Amino acid sequence: MKLFLTCALVLCAALHLSQSQCMEGLASMEISADGQYVVPTHCTDPFDSTPYPIGAEWRTGDCMECLCEGGGFRCCPVEVTRPERVPEDCVLLFDEESCGFKAFNINNPSESCPL
């Protein structure tokens, strides 16, 4: 019974961790006109196919932070924390551009609220 409970606990922890996993990919090797392999000089964004040079960091439209290094890329979800308290006269909205929450006055949406 202890073994079953331990396995169940490990599986639950693995499931939780897998929901926020990063994704990785290798840059494609190219072959020059003389048949030699060429070391990759860039990575390709897996979401919109934009090329980025080695060493570049960027944020995707899907709130993923990416890094191009060593001929490959790594993209991880941006950690977003929902504010615990929002003033009663405000509405909370997710801003995809900043990958965070912003609050606006219910009666005047052009007026932001403090969080």
C-alpha atoms as a PDB file:
ATOM      1  CA  MET A   1       0.000   0.000   0.000  1.00  0.00           C
ATOM      2  CA  LYS A   2       2.860   2.389   0.842  1.00  0.00           C
ATOM      3  CA  LEU A   3       4.419   1.725  -2.561  1.00  0.00           C
ATOM      4  CA  PHE A   4       1.119   2.506  -4.299  1.00  0.00           C
ATOM      5  CA  LEU A   5       0.737   5.794  -2.407  1.00  0.00           C
ATOM      6  CA  THR A   6       4.342   6.749  -3.127  1.00  0.00           C
ATOM      7  CA  CYS A   7       3.886   6.040  -6.856  1.00  0.00           C
ATOM      8  CA  ALA A   8       0.641   8.018  -6.908  1.00  0.00           C
ATOM      9  CA  LEU A   9       2.350  10.984  -5.220  1.00  0.00           C
ATOM     10  CA  VAL A  10       5.247  10.895  -7.699  1.00  0.00           C
ATOM     11  CA  LEU A  11       2.844  10.740 -10.661  1.00  0.00           C
ATOM     12  CA  CYS A  12       0.841  13.705  -9.336  1.00  0.00           C
ATOM     13  CA  ALA A  13       4.032  15.727  -8.901  1.00  0.00           C
ATOM     14  CA  ALA A  14       5.197  14.794 -12.416  1.00  0.00           C
ATOM     15  CA  LEU A  15       1.835  15.822 -13.880  1.00  0.00           C
ATOM     16  CA  HIS A  16       2.022  19.201 -12.138  1.00  0.00           C
ATOM     17  CA  LEU A  17       5.565  19.821 -13.362  1.00  0.00           C
ATOM     18  CA  SER A  18       4.761  18.745 -16.916  1.00  0.00           C
ATOM     19  CA  GLN A  19       2.085  21.413 -17.236  1.00  0.00           C
ATOM     20  CA  SER A  20       4.702  24.170 -17.090  1.00  0.00           C
ATOM     21  CA  GLN A  21       7.528  22.516 -18.983  1.00  0.00           C
ATOM     22  CA  CYS A  22       9.871  24.257 -21.309  1.00  0.00           C
ATOM     23  CA  MET A  23      10.289  23.256 -24.914  1.00  0.00           C
ATOM     24  CA  GLU A  24      13.622  22.876 -26.658  1.00  0.00           C
ATOM     25  CA  GLY A  25      14.759  22.413 -30.221  1.00  0.00           C
ATOM     26  CA  LEU A  26      17.946  22.199 -32.205  1.00  0.00           C
ATOM     27  CA  ALA A  27      18.904  24.502 -35.030  1.00  0.00           C
ATOM     28  CA  SER A  28      19.084  22.798 -38.413  1.00  0.00           C
ATOM     29  CA  MET A  29      22.534  21.939 -39.676  1.00  0.00           C
ATOM     30  CA  GLU A  30      23.169  23.177 -43.177  1.00  0.00           C
ATOM     31  CA  ILE A  31      25.520  21.826 -45.807  1.00  0.00           C
ATOM     32  CA  SER A  32      27.677  24.241 -47.797  1.00  0.00           C
ATOM     33  CA  ALA A  33      28.206  24.065 -51.568  1.00  0.00           C
ATOM     34  CA  ASP A  34      31.412  22.061 -51.013  1.00  0.00           C
ATOM     35  CA  GLY A  35      29.578  19.469 -48.893  1.00  0.00           C
ATOM     36  CA  GLN A  36      30.808  20.660 -45.491  1.00  0.00           C
ATOM     37  CA  TYR A  37      28.517  21.043 -42.497  1.00  0.00           C
ATOM     38  CA  VAL A  38      27.946  24.658 -41.476  1.00  0.00           C
ATOM     39  CA  VAL A  39      27.574  25.469 -37.791  1.00  0.00           C
ATOM     40  CA  PRO A  40      24.168  27.091 -37.198  1.00  0.00           C
ATOM     41  CA  THR A  41      24.279  30.844 -36.616  1.00  0.00           C
ATOM     42  CA  HIS A  42      20.652  31.267 -35.602  1.00  0.00           C
ATOM     43  CA  CYS A  43      17.568  29.615 -34.099  1.00  0.00           C
ATOM     44  CA  THR A  44      14.087  29.701 -35.542  1.00  0.00           C
ATOM     45  CA  ASP A  45      11.176  30.696 -33.298  1.00  0.00           C
ATOM     46  CA  PRO A  46       8.944  27.599 -33.116  1.00  0.00           C
ATOM     47  CA  PHE A  47       5.797  29.753 -32.993  1.00  0.00           C
ATOM     48  CA  ASP A  48       6.238  32.245 -35.839  1.00  0.00           C
ATOM     49  CA  SER A  49       9.402  31.046 -37.659  1.00  0.00           C
ATOM     50  CA  THR A  50      11.341  34.270 -36.974  1.00  0.00           C
ATOM     51  CA  PRO A  51      15.126  33.691 -37.047  1.00  0.00           C
ATOM     52  CA  TYR A  52      17.143  34.865 -34.013  1.00  0.00           C
ATOM     53  CA  PRO A  53      20.955  34.985 -33.727  1.00  0.00           C
ATOM     54  CA  ILE A  54      22.840  32.865 -31.192  1.00  0.00           C
ATOM     55  CA  GLY A  55      22.655  34.647 -27.820  1.00  0.00           C
ATOM     56  CA  ALA A  56      19.295  36.313 -28.516  1.00  0.00           C
ATOM     57  CA  GLU A  57      16.470  36.318 -25.987  1.00  0.00           C
ATOM     58  CA  TRP A  58      12.852  37.066 -26.907  1.00  0.00           C
ATOM     59  CA  ARG A  59       9.273  36.752 -25.698  1.00  0.00           C
ATOM     60  CA  THR A  60       6.670  35.169 -27.929  1.00  0.00           C
ATOM     61  CA  GLY A  61       3.069  36.246 -28.384  1.00  0.00           C
ATOM     62  CA  ASP A  62       2.090  33.180 -26.356  1.00  0.00           C
ATOM     63  CA  CYS A  63       3.939  34.459 -23.265  1.00  0.00           C
ATOM     64  CA  MET A  64       6.945  32.186 -23.664  1.00  0.00           C
ATOM     65  CA  GLU A  65      10.460  33.447 -22.910  1.00  0.00           C
ATOM     66  CA  CYS A  66      12.973  32.010 -25.353  1.00  0.00           C
ATOM     67  CA  LEU A  67      16.755  31.847 -25.582  1.00  0.00           C
ATOM     68  CA  CYS A  68      18.905  30.893 -28.576  1.00  0.00           C
ATOM     69  CA  GLU A  69      22.229  29.375 -27.628  1.00  0.00           C
ATOM     70  CA  GLY A  70      24.589  26.758 -28.945  1.00  0.00           C
ATOM     71  CA  GLY A  71      22.607  26.137 -32.084  1.00  0.00           C
ATOM     72  CA  GLY A  72      19.335  25.454 -30.332  1.00  0.00           C
ATOM     73  CA  PHE A  73      16.513  27.208 -28.547  1.00  0.00           C
ATOM     74  CA  ARG A  74      14.726  26.867 -25.216  1.00  0.00           C
ATOM     75  CA  CYS A  75      11.298  28.412 -24.568  1.00  0.00           C
ATOM     76  CA  CYS A  76       9.661  28.431 -21.143  1.00  0.00           C
ATOM     77  CA  PRO A  77       6.309  29.827 -20.040  1.00  0.00           C
ATOM     78  CA  VAL A  78       6.406  33.228 -18.360  1.00  0.00           C
ATOM     79  CA  GLU A  79       5.371  32.859 -14.730  1.00  0.00           C
ATOM     80  CA  VAL A  80       2.235  34.898 -14.213  1.00  0.00           C
ATOM     81  CA  THR A  81       0.787  35.526 -10.775  1.00  0.00           C
ATOM     82  CA  ARG A  82      -2.815  36.657 -10.512  1.00  0.00           C
ATOM     83  CA  PRO A  83      -3.208  39.510  -8.009  1.00  0.00           C
ATOM     84  CA  GLU A  84      -4.961  38.404  -4.835  1.00  0.00           C
ATOM     85  CA  ARG A  85      -6.826  41.651  -4.316  1.00  0.00           C
ATOM     86  CA  VAL A  86      -8.491  43.889  -6.846  1.00  0.00           C
ATOM     87  CA  PRO A  87     -10.417  47.015  -5.815  1.00  0.00           C
ATOM     88  CA  GLU A  88     -14.183  46.463  -5.936  1.00  0.00           C
ATOM     89  CA  ASP A  89     -14.742  49.123  -8.588  1.00  0.00           C
ATOM     90  CA  CYS A  90     -12.163  47.554 -10.920  1.00  0.00           C
ATOM     91  CA  VAL A  91     -12.052  44.685 -13.362  1.00  0.00           C
ATOM     92  CA  LEU A  92      -8.981  42.486 -13.854  1.00  0.00           C
ATOM     93  CA  LEU A  93      -7.826  41.710 -17.413  1.00  0.00           C
ATOM     94  CA  PHE A  94      -4.905  39.700 -18.763  1.00  0.00           C
ATOM     95  CA  ASP A  95      -2.621  41.753 -21.012  1.00  0.00           C
ATOM     96  CA  GLU A  96      -1.066  39.439 -23.614  1.00  0.00           C
ATOM     97  CA  GLU A  97       1.525  42.037 -24.640  1.00  0.00           C
ATOM     98  CA  SER A  98       3.052  42.320 -21.162  1.00  0.00           C
ATOM     99  CA  CYS A  99       2.046  38.765 -20.126  1.00  0.00           C
ATOM    100  CA  GLY A 100       0.570  40.102 -16.901  1.00  0.00           C
ATOM    101  CA  PHE A 101      -2.617  41.309 -15.310  1.00  0.00           C
ATOM    102  CA  LYS A 102      -3.891  44.878 -15.356  1.00  0.00           C
ATOM    103  CA  ALA A 103      -6.880  46.357 -13.576  1.00  0.00           C
ATOM    104  CA  PHE A 104      -9.230  48.990 -14.976  1.00  0.00           C
ATOM    105  CA  ASN A 105     -12.046  51.039 -13.494  1.00  0.00           C
ATOM    106  CA  ILE A 106     -15.420  49.450 -14.290  1.00  0.00           C
ATOM    107  CA  ASN A 107     -17.096  52.832 -14.976  1.00  0.00           C
ATOM    108  CA  ASN A 108     -14.127  54.314 -16.880  1.00  0.00           C
ATOM    109  CA  PRO A 109     -12.088  51.610 -18.699  1.00  0.00           C
ATOM    110  CA  SER A 110      -9.438  54.165 -19.735  1.00  0.00           C
ATOM    111  CA  GLU A 111      -8.548  54.622 -16.044  1.00  0.00           C
ATOM    112  CA  SER A 112      -6.231  51.977 -14.591  1.00  0.00           C
ATOM    113  CA  CYS A 113      -6.505  50.764 -11.004  1.00  0.00           C
ATOM    114  CA  PRO A 114      -3.623  50.140  -8.616  1.00  0.00           C
ATOM    115  CA  LEU A 115      -2.819  46.493  -7.861  1.00  0.00           C
END
